[in-house]
Every structure is written in C-alpha cells, then in structure tokens.
C-alpha cells in the first residue's frame, strides 16, 4: 500500500465516529486471525469477550452504542478487520457527490481541501494501482 498516495486524500484521526452505532462488523477468517495475533490472547477468550456468533457469522460485539474495541480510539487498531481498514475509502464514496459530502462531513480524516472531482481522480488512481489491497481483500 502506498501511504503517500492515500494520505493525499485521507489520514485517520482515530476519532471513533465510524466505531459508533448499533451495527457491527462481520469478521472473516483472516480478520479473526489478525485480531487474535494483535490481542495476544487465546482465541477462546477473545471469542467469549469480544465476538458474537450467529450461526457461521462472527461479528465484533457492540457495547453502549459503539464497537467493543472503541476506547478513545481503536484498542485493536493493528488487528482491526478489513472493513475497518478500508473505511471510508470504499469505492461507494465515488458513487456521487452527495455520498462523498456525507462521508466527508462525518469523517475528519478526509482531506477537506480537495474538491469532489480531485478526490475522485486521486482515489481512482489508488484503486487502479490497488494501493488499498482491494483485489486481495475481495479474494478472501
């Protein structure tokens, strides 16, 4: 991943806005492995404390309206799931200018000095070069 290119359009402030809400993030096998390695705890303990399982679906728990890992920032940042790693640089931000403005308004990490057009140009370049690893993530 080329950090220089991404930082032209986004630099996470770890404000936690994206961590709030009553919904949660599903974890694939790679996410779970990464999280176990980052936390350094037995998988059984992590599953009991931090995850909820509904059939074959494993998700992070929500506590008091936010992700269980949110404590003045992400307490599992190095082991966060791919959906968290990708946000807000998801291709849907290119859908239309209103979508971009909504995400930009809620995320202080988006470069506010860029116009929608300039943001899209840089982000499309990042996607084409696959600086976010999107192709690999979609294979998981």
N, C-alpha and C. Protein backbone atom coordinates (compact mmCIF):
# COMPACT_ATOMS: atom_id res chain seq x y z
N UNK A 1 0.85 -1.18 0.00
CA UNK A 1 0.00 0.00 0.00
C UNK A 1 0.89 1.23 0.00
N UNK A 2 0.60 2.15 -0.87
CA UNK A 2 1.36 3.38 -0.93
C UNK A 2 0.71 4.42 -0.02
N UNK A 3 1.29 4.60 1.16
CA UNK A 3 0.72 5.52 2.14
C UNK A 3 0.70 6.95 1.63
N UNK A 4 1.73 7.34 0.89
CA UNK A 4 1.80 8.72 0.40
C UNK A 4 0.57 9.08 -0.43
N UNK A 5 0.16 8.17 -1.32
CA UNK A 5 -0.99 8.43 -2.17
C UNK A 5 -2.27 8.52 -1.36
N UNK A 6 -2.45 7.62 -0.44
CA UNK A 6 -3.65 7.61 0.38
C UNK A 6 -3.71 8.84 1.26
N UNK A 7 -2.61 9.23 1.83
CA UNK A 7 -2.60 10.39 2.73
C UNK A 7 -2.90 11.70 2.01
N UNK A 8 -2.86 11.69 0.68
CA UNK A 8 -3.30 12.87 -0.07
C UNK A 8 -4.79 13.10 0.12
N UNK A 9 -5.53 12.01 0.33
CA UNK A 9 -6.98 12.14 0.43
C UNK A 9 -7.53 11.79 1.82
N UNK A 10 -6.76 11.03 2.60
CA UNK A 10 -7.28 10.58 3.89
C UNK A 10 -6.15 10.27 4.87
N UNK A 11 -6.32 10.71 6.11
CA UNK A 11 -5.43 10.35 7.22
C UNK A 11 -6.31 10.16 8.45
N UNK A 12 -6.39 8.94 8.92
CA UNK A 12 -7.27 8.62 10.05
C UNK A 12 -6.88 9.43 11.29
N UNK A 13 -7.88 10.04 11.90
CA UNK A 13 -7.66 10.81 13.13
C UNK A 13 -8.00 9.97 14.37
N UNK A 14 -8.47 8.75 14.13
CA UNK A 14 -8.88 7.83 15.19
C UNK A 14 -9.93 8.48 16.11
N UNK A 15 -10.83 9.26 15.50
CA UNK A 15 -11.88 9.95 16.25
C UNK A 15 -12.94 8.99 16.76
N UNK A 16 -13.10 7.86 16.08
CA UNK A 16 -14.06 6.85 16.51
C UNK A 16 -15.47 7.03 16.00
N UNK A 17 -15.71 8.05 15.18
CA UNK A 17 -17.07 8.24 14.68
C UNK A 17 -17.57 7.00 13.95
N UNK A 18 -16.70 6.38 13.17
CA UNK A 18 -17.09 5.19 12.41
C UNK A 18 -17.28 3.97 13.31
N UNK A 19 -16.86 4.06 14.56
CA UNK A 19 -16.98 2.95 15.51
C UNK A 19 -18.29 3.00 16.29
N UNK A 20 -19.06 4.06 16.12
CA UNK A 20 -20.30 4.23 16.86
C UNK A 20 -21.50 3.76 16.06
N UNK A 21 -22.47 3.23 16.74
CA UNK A 21 -23.70 2.75 16.13
C UNK A 21 -24.08 1.40 16.70
N UNK A 22 -25.25 0.96 16.37
CA UNK A 22 -25.75 -0.30 16.90
C UNK A 22 -25.41 -1.49 16.01
N UNK A 23 -24.87 -1.23 14.84
CA UNK A 23 -24.47 -2.33 13.97
C UNK A 23 -23.00 -2.64 14.20
N UNK A 24 -22.56 -3.74 13.69
CA UNK A 24 -21.18 -4.15 13.91
C UNK A 24 -20.58 -4.70 12.63
N UNK A 25 -19.35 -5.12 12.71
CA UNK A 25 -18.60 -5.60 11.55
C UNK A 25 -18.45 -7.11 11.61
N UNK A 26 -18.75 -7.76 10.49
CA UNK A 26 -18.53 -9.20 10.39
C UNK A 26 -17.05 -9.45 10.17
N UNK A 27 -16.57 -10.56 10.71
CA UNK A 27 -15.15 -10.90 10.64
C UNK A 27 -14.96 -12.17 9.82
N UNK A 28 -14.14 -12.08 8.78
CA UNK A 28 -13.80 -13.29 8.05
C UNK A 28 -12.65 -14.00 8.77
N UNK A 29 -12.21 -15.10 8.25
CA UNK A 29 -11.16 -15.88 8.91
C UNK A 29 -9.85 -15.10 9.04
N UNK A 30 -9.49 -14.35 8.01
CA UNK A 30 -8.26 -13.56 8.05
C UNK A 30 -8.37 -12.47 9.13
N UNK A 31 -9.55 -11.83 9.23
CA UNK A 31 -9.77 -10.82 10.27
C UNK A 31 -9.60 -11.42 11.66
N UNK A 32 -10.18 -12.58 11.86
CA UNK A 32 -10.11 -13.23 13.18
C UNK A 32 -8.67 -13.59 13.53
N UNK A 33 -7.94 -14.11 12.58
CA UNK A 33 -6.53 -14.47 12.81
C UNK A 33 -5.71 -13.24 13.14
N UNK A 34 -5.91 -12.16 12.37
CA UNK A 34 -5.18 -10.91 12.61
C UNK A 34 -5.50 -10.37 13.99
N UNK A 35 -6.76 -10.44 14.40
CA UNK A 35 -7.18 -9.92 15.69
C UNK A 35 -6.59 -10.74 16.83
N UNK A 36 -6.59 -12.05 16.68
CA UNK A 36 -6.01 -12.93 17.70
C UNK A 36 -4.53 -12.62 17.87
N UNK A 37 -3.81 -12.45 16.76
CA UNK A 37 -2.39 -12.13 16.83
C UNK A 37 -2.16 -10.78 17.50
N UNK A 38 -2.99 -9.79 17.17
CA UNK A 38 -2.82 -8.44 17.74
C UNK A 38 -3.12 -8.41 19.23
N UNK A 39 -4.13 -9.16 19.66
CA UNK A 39 -4.52 -9.14 21.07
C UNK A 39 -3.63 -10.04 21.93
N UNK A 40 -3.06 -11.07 21.31
CA UNK A 40 -2.17 -11.97 22.05
C UNK A 40 -2.87 -12.78 23.13
N UNK A 41 -4.14 -13.06 22.91
CA UNK A 41 -4.92 -13.86 23.86
C UNK A 41 -5.39 -15.13 23.17
N UNK A 42 -5.75 -16.15 23.95
CA UNK A 42 -6.28 -17.37 23.35
C UNK A 42 -7.59 -17.07 22.60
N UNK A 43 -7.78 -17.71 21.46
CA UNK A 43 -8.96 -17.47 20.63
C UNK A 43 -10.26 -17.68 21.41
N UNK A 44 -10.28 -18.63 22.30
CA UNK A 44 -11.49 -18.90 23.08
C UNK A 44 -11.85 -17.69 23.95
N UNK A 45 -10.84 -17.08 24.55
CA UNK A 45 -11.05 -15.91 25.41
C UNK A 45 -11.51 -14.71 24.57
N UNK A 46 -10.93 -14.54 23.41
CA UNK A 46 -11.31 -13.44 22.51
C UNK A 46 -12.74 -13.63 22.04
N UNK A 47 -13.07 -14.85 21.66
CA UNK A 47 -14.43 -15.12 21.18
C UNK A 47 -15.46 -14.85 22.28
N UNK A 48 -15.17 -15.25 23.47
CA UNK A 48 -16.11 -15.05 24.58
C UNK A 48 -16.24 -13.57 24.94
N UNK A 49 -15.14 -12.87 24.96
CA UNK A 49 -15.12 -11.48 25.42
C UNK A 49 -15.52 -10.48 24.34
N UNK A 50 -15.08 -10.68 23.10
CA UNK A 50 -15.18 -9.65 22.08
C UNK A 50 -16.08 -9.95 20.88
N UNK A 51 -16.37 -11.23 20.63
CA UNK A 51 -17.10 -11.58 19.42
C UNK A 51 -18.48 -12.13 19.76
N UNK A 52 -19.38 -11.99 18.80
CA UNK A 52 -20.67 -12.67 18.90
C UNK A 52 -20.81 -13.54 17.66
N UNK A 53 -21.38 -14.70 17.85
CA UNK A 53 -21.52 -15.67 16.76
C UNK A 53 -22.99 -15.95 16.55
N UNK A 54 -23.41 -15.84 15.29
CA UNK A 54 -24.77 -16.19 14.89
C UNK A 54 -24.63 -17.20 13.76
N UNK A 55 -24.79 -18.45 14.09
CA UNK A 55 -24.53 -19.50 13.09
C UNK A 55 -23.07 -19.45 12.70
N UNK A 56 -22.82 -19.30 11.40
CA UNK A 56 -21.44 -19.25 10.90
C UNK A 56 -20.88 -17.83 10.87
N UNK A 57 -21.70 -16.84 11.20
CA UNK A 57 -21.27 -15.45 11.13
C UNK A 57 -20.66 -15.02 12.47
N UNK A 58 -19.45 -14.47 12.40
CA UNK A 58 -18.76 -13.96 13.59
C UNK A 58 -18.65 -12.45 13.43
N UNK A 59 -19.08 -11.72 14.47
CA UNK A 59 -19.02 -10.26 14.44
C UNK A 59 -18.42 -9.74 15.74
N UNK A 60 -17.93 -8.51 15.68
CA UNK A 60 -17.47 -7.86 16.90
C UNK A 60 -18.71 -7.45 17.70
N UNK A 61 -18.60 -7.51 19.01
CA UNK A 61 -19.70 -7.09 19.86
C UNK A 61 -19.83 -5.57 19.86
N UNK A 62 -21.04 -5.10 20.20
CA UNK A 62 -21.32 -3.68 20.37
C UNK A 62 -21.64 -3.47 21.84
N UNK A 63 -21.04 -2.43 22.44
CA UNK A 63 -21.26 -2.11 23.85
C UNK A 63 -21.60 -0.63 23.96
N UNK A 64 -22.69 -0.31 24.60
CA UNK A 64 -23.10 1.08 24.80
C UNK A 64 -23.09 1.91 23.51
N UNK A 65 -23.55 1.29 22.43
CA UNK A 65 -23.67 2.02 21.17
C UNK A 65 -22.40 2.21 20.37
N UNK A 66 -21.36 1.44 20.68
CA UNK A 66 -20.13 1.52 19.89
C UNK A 66 -19.44 0.16 19.88
N UNK A 67 -18.50 0.01 18.98
CA UNK A 67 -17.71 -1.21 18.87
C UNK A 67 -17.03 -1.49 20.21
N UNK A 68 -16.98 -2.74 20.58
CA UNK A 68 -16.37 -3.14 21.85
C UNK A 68 -14.91 -2.72 21.96
N UNK A 69 -14.24 -2.51 20.83
CA UNK A 69 -12.83 -2.14 20.85
C UNK A 69 -12.60 -0.63 20.89
N UNK A 70 -13.69 0.15 20.90
CA UNK A 70 -13.51 1.60 20.92
C UNK A 70 -13.35 2.10 22.35
N UNK A 71 -12.18 2.63 22.65
CA UNK A 71 -11.86 3.23 23.95
C UNK A 71 -10.99 4.45 23.68
N UNK A 72 -11.59 5.58 23.39
CA UNK A 72 -10.83 6.77 23.00
C UNK A 72 -9.89 6.46 21.84
N UNK A 73 -10.38 5.71 20.91
CA UNK A 73 -9.62 5.23 19.77
C UNK A 73 -9.77 3.72 19.70
N UNK A 74 -9.25 3.13 18.67
CA UNK A 74 -9.38 1.69 18.47
C UNK A 74 -8.32 0.95 19.29
N UNK A 75 -8.79 0.14 20.23
CA UNK A 75 -7.85 -0.59 21.09
C UNK A 75 -7.28 -1.83 20.40
N UNK A 76 -7.75 -2.14 19.20
CA UNK A 76 -7.21 -3.27 18.44
C UNK A 76 -6.80 -2.80 17.04
N UNK A 77 -6.35 -1.56 16.95
CA UNK A 77 -6.08 -0.93 15.65
C UNK A 77 -5.20 -1.80 14.75
N UNK A 78 -4.14 -2.36 15.26
CA UNK A 78 -3.25 -3.20 14.44
C UNK A 78 -3.95 -4.47 13.96
N UNK A 79 -4.96 -4.92 14.69
CA UNK A 79 -5.66 -6.14 14.33
C UNK A 79 -7.07 -5.91 13.85
N UNK A 80 -7.39 -4.68 13.46
CA UNK A 80 -8.77 -4.37 13.04
C UNK A 80 -9.12 -5.09 11.74
N UNK A 81 -10.40 -5.37 11.54
CA UNK A 81 -10.85 -6.09 10.34
C UNK A 81 -10.70 -5.26 9.06
N UNK A 82 -10.75 -5.95 7.92
CA UNK A 82 -10.54 -5.28 6.64
C UNK A 82 -11.58 -4.21 6.39
N UNK A 83 -12.82 -4.40 6.85
CA UNK A 83 -13.84 -3.38 6.63
C UNK A 83 -13.48 -2.09 7.35
N UNK A 84 -12.92 -2.20 8.53
CA UNK A 84 -12.48 -1.02 9.28
C UNK A 84 -11.25 -0.40 8.63
N UNK A 85 -10.35 -1.24 8.14
CA UNK A 85 -9.13 -0.76 7.47
C UNK A 85 -9.48 0.03 6.22
N UNK A 86 -10.52 -0.39 5.54
CA UNK A 86 -10.90 0.21 4.27
C UNK A 86 -11.68 1.52 4.46
N UNK A 87 -12.47 1.62 5.50
CA UNK A 87 -13.34 2.78 5.69
C UNK A 87 -12.54 4.06 5.93
N UNK A 88 -12.90 5.18 5.39
CA UNK A 88 -14.01 5.47 4.50
C UNK A 88 -13.64 5.37 3.02
N UNK A 89 -12.46 4.81 2.73
CA UNK A 89 -12.01 4.71 1.35
C UNK A 89 -12.60 3.48 0.68
N UNK A 90 -13.89 3.50 0.59
CA UNK A 90 -14.65 2.44 -0.05
C UNK A 90 -15.10 2.99 -1.41
N UNK A 91 -15.09 2.16 -2.43
CA UNK A 91 -15.47 2.66 -3.76
C UNK A 91 -16.84 3.36 -3.80
N UNK A 92 -17.72 3.09 -2.84
CA UNK A 92 -19.03 3.76 -2.83
C UNK A 92 -18.91 5.27 -2.65
N UNK A 93 -17.78 5.73 -2.13
CA UNK A 93 -17.59 7.17 -1.96
C UNK A 93 -17.55 7.87 -3.32
N UNK A 94 -17.29 7.11 -4.38
CA UNK A 94 -17.25 7.66 -5.72
C UNK A 94 -18.62 7.69 -6.39
N UNK A 95 -19.63 7.13 -5.72
CA UNK A 95 -20.96 6.98 -6.32
C UNK A 95 -21.56 8.30 -6.79
N UNK A 96 -21.50 9.29 -5.94
CA UNK A 96 -21.98 10.61 -6.32
C UNK A 96 -21.46 11.63 -5.32
N UNK A 97 -21.56 12.88 -5.69
CA UNK A 97 -21.00 13.94 -4.85
C UNK A 97 -21.71 14.03 -3.50
N UNK A 98 -23.00 13.77 -3.46
CA UNK A 98 -23.72 13.81 -2.18
C UNK A 98 -23.20 12.75 -1.22
N UNK A 99 -22.93 11.56 -1.73
CA UNK A 99 -22.37 10.48 -0.91
C UNK A 99 -21.01 10.90 -0.37
N UNK A 100 -20.19 11.47 -1.23
CA UNK A 100 -18.87 11.97 -0.83
C UNK A 100 -19.01 13.02 0.27
N UNK A 101 -19.89 14.00 0.08
CA UNK A 101 -20.06 15.08 1.06
C UNK A 101 -20.55 14.55 2.40
N UNK A 102 -21.45 13.55 2.37
CA UNK A 102 -21.95 12.96 3.61
C UNK A 102 -20.83 12.28 4.38
N UNK A 103 -20.01 11.50 3.67
CA UNK A 103 -18.89 10.81 4.32
C UNK A 103 -17.85 11.83 4.79
N UNK A 104 -17.57 12.82 3.96
CA UNK A 104 -16.59 13.85 4.31
C UNK A 104 -17.04 14.62 5.56
N UNK A 105 -18.33 14.88 5.67
CA UNK A 105 -18.87 15.60 6.82
C UNK A 105 -18.73 14.79 8.12
N UNK A 106 -18.85 13.48 8.01
CA UNK A 106 -18.80 12.63 9.21
C UNK A 106 -17.41 12.13 9.54
N UNK A 107 -16.45 12.29 8.63
CA UNK A 107 -15.11 11.75 8.86
C UNK A 107 -14.07 12.86 8.75
N UNK A 108 -13.49 13.28 9.88
CA UNK A 108 -12.50 14.35 9.84
C UNK A 108 -11.19 13.96 9.16
N UNK A 109 -11.02 12.69 8.84
CA UNK A 109 -9.79 12.25 8.19
C UNK A 109 -9.75 12.53 6.70
N UNK A 110 -10.93 12.80 6.09
CA UNK A 110 -10.97 13.11 4.67
C UNK A 110 -10.36 14.50 4.45
N UNK A 111 -9.50 14.61 3.47
CA UNK A 111 -8.85 15.88 3.15
C UNK A 111 -9.90 16.88 2.67
N UNK A 112 -10.19 17.86 3.50
CA UNK A 112 -11.23 18.84 3.20
C UNK A 112 -10.81 19.88 2.16
N UNK A 113 -9.54 19.92 1.83
CA UNK A 113 -9.06 20.88 0.83
C UNK A 113 -9.29 20.41 -0.60
N UNK A 114 -9.67 19.14 -0.75
CA UNK A 114 -9.88 18.59 -2.09
C UNK A 114 -11.33 18.74 -2.52
N UNK A 115 -11.51 19.06 -3.78
CA UNK A 115 -12.85 19.05 -4.35
C UNK A 115 -13.24 17.59 -4.58
N UNK A 116 -14.51 17.37 -4.80
CA UNK A 116 -15.00 16.02 -5.11
C UNK A 116 -14.28 15.47 -6.34
N UNK A 117 -14.15 16.30 -7.35
CA UNK A 117 -13.51 15.87 -8.59
C UNK A 117 -12.05 15.45 -8.35
N UNK A 118 -11.31 16.26 -7.59
CA UNK A 118 -9.90 15.96 -7.31
C UNK A 118 -9.77 14.71 -6.44
N UNK A 119 -10.63 14.60 -5.43
CA UNK A 119 -10.65 13.41 -4.58
C UNK A 119 -10.85 12.17 -5.45
N UNK A 120 -11.85 12.21 -6.32
CA UNK A 120 -12.16 11.06 -7.18
C UNK A 120 -10.99 10.70 -8.08
N UNK A 121 -10.32 11.70 -8.65
CA UNK A 121 -9.18 11.44 -9.53
C UNK A 121 -8.09 10.69 -8.78
N UNK A 122 -7.75 11.17 -7.58
CA UNK A 122 -6.69 10.53 -6.79
C UNK A 122 -7.14 9.15 -6.33
N UNK A 123 -8.36 9.04 -5.86
CA UNK A 123 -8.84 7.76 -5.35
C UNK A 123 -8.94 6.72 -6.45
N UNK A 124 -9.40 7.11 -7.63
CA UNK A 124 -9.45 6.15 -8.75
C UNK A 124 -8.04 5.66 -9.09
N UNK A 125 -7.07 6.54 -9.03
CA UNK A 125 -5.68 6.16 -9.28
C UNK A 125 -5.21 5.14 -8.24
N UNK A 126 -5.56 5.39 -6.98
CA UNK A 126 -5.21 4.46 -5.90
C UNK A 126 -5.86 3.10 -6.14
N UNK A 127 -7.14 3.10 -6.52
CA UNK A 127 -7.86 1.84 -6.78
C UNK A 127 -7.22 1.11 -7.95
N UNK A 128 -6.93 1.81 -9.03
CA UNK A 128 -6.33 1.18 -10.21
C UNK A 128 -5.00 0.51 -9.86
N UNK A 129 -4.19 1.15 -9.04
CA UNK A 129 -2.91 0.58 -8.64
C UNK A 129 -3.09 -0.43 -7.51
N UNK A 130 -4.30 -0.51 -6.97
CA UNK A 130 -4.65 -1.41 -5.88
C UNK A 130 -3.82 -1.13 -4.63
N UNK A 131 -3.60 0.15 -4.35
CA UNK A 131 -2.84 0.54 -3.15
C UNK A 131 -3.54 0.15 -1.85
N UNK A 132 -4.83 -0.09 -1.91
CA UNK A 132 -5.56 -0.48 -0.71
C UNK A 132 -5.64 -2.00 -0.56
N UNK A 133 -5.16 -2.73 -1.55
CA UNK A 133 -5.24 -4.19 -1.49
C UNK A 133 -6.66 -4.70 -1.68
N UNK A 134 -7.48 -3.96 -2.40
CA UNK A 134 -8.88 -4.34 -2.58
C UNK A 134 -9.03 -5.66 -3.32
N UNK A 135 -8.20 -5.90 -4.31
CA UNK A 135 -8.30 -7.15 -5.06
C UNK A 135 -8.07 -8.34 -4.15
N UNK A 136 -7.04 -8.24 -3.32
CA UNK A 136 -6.73 -9.32 -2.40
C UNK A 136 -7.85 -9.50 -1.37
N UNK A 137 -8.40 -8.38 -0.86
CA UNK A 137 -9.49 -8.47 0.12
C UNK A 137 -10.71 -9.15 -0.48
N UNK A 138 -10.99 -8.89 -1.74
CA UNK A 138 -12.15 -9.49 -2.37
C UNK A 138 -11.97 -10.97 -2.63
N UNK A 139 -10.73 -11.45 -2.59
CA UNK A 139 -10.47 -12.87 -2.77
C UNK A 139 -10.68 -13.66 -1.49
N UNK A 140 -10.69 -12.98 -0.36
CA UNK A 140 -10.81 -13.64 0.94
C UNK A 140 -12.22 -14.09 1.17
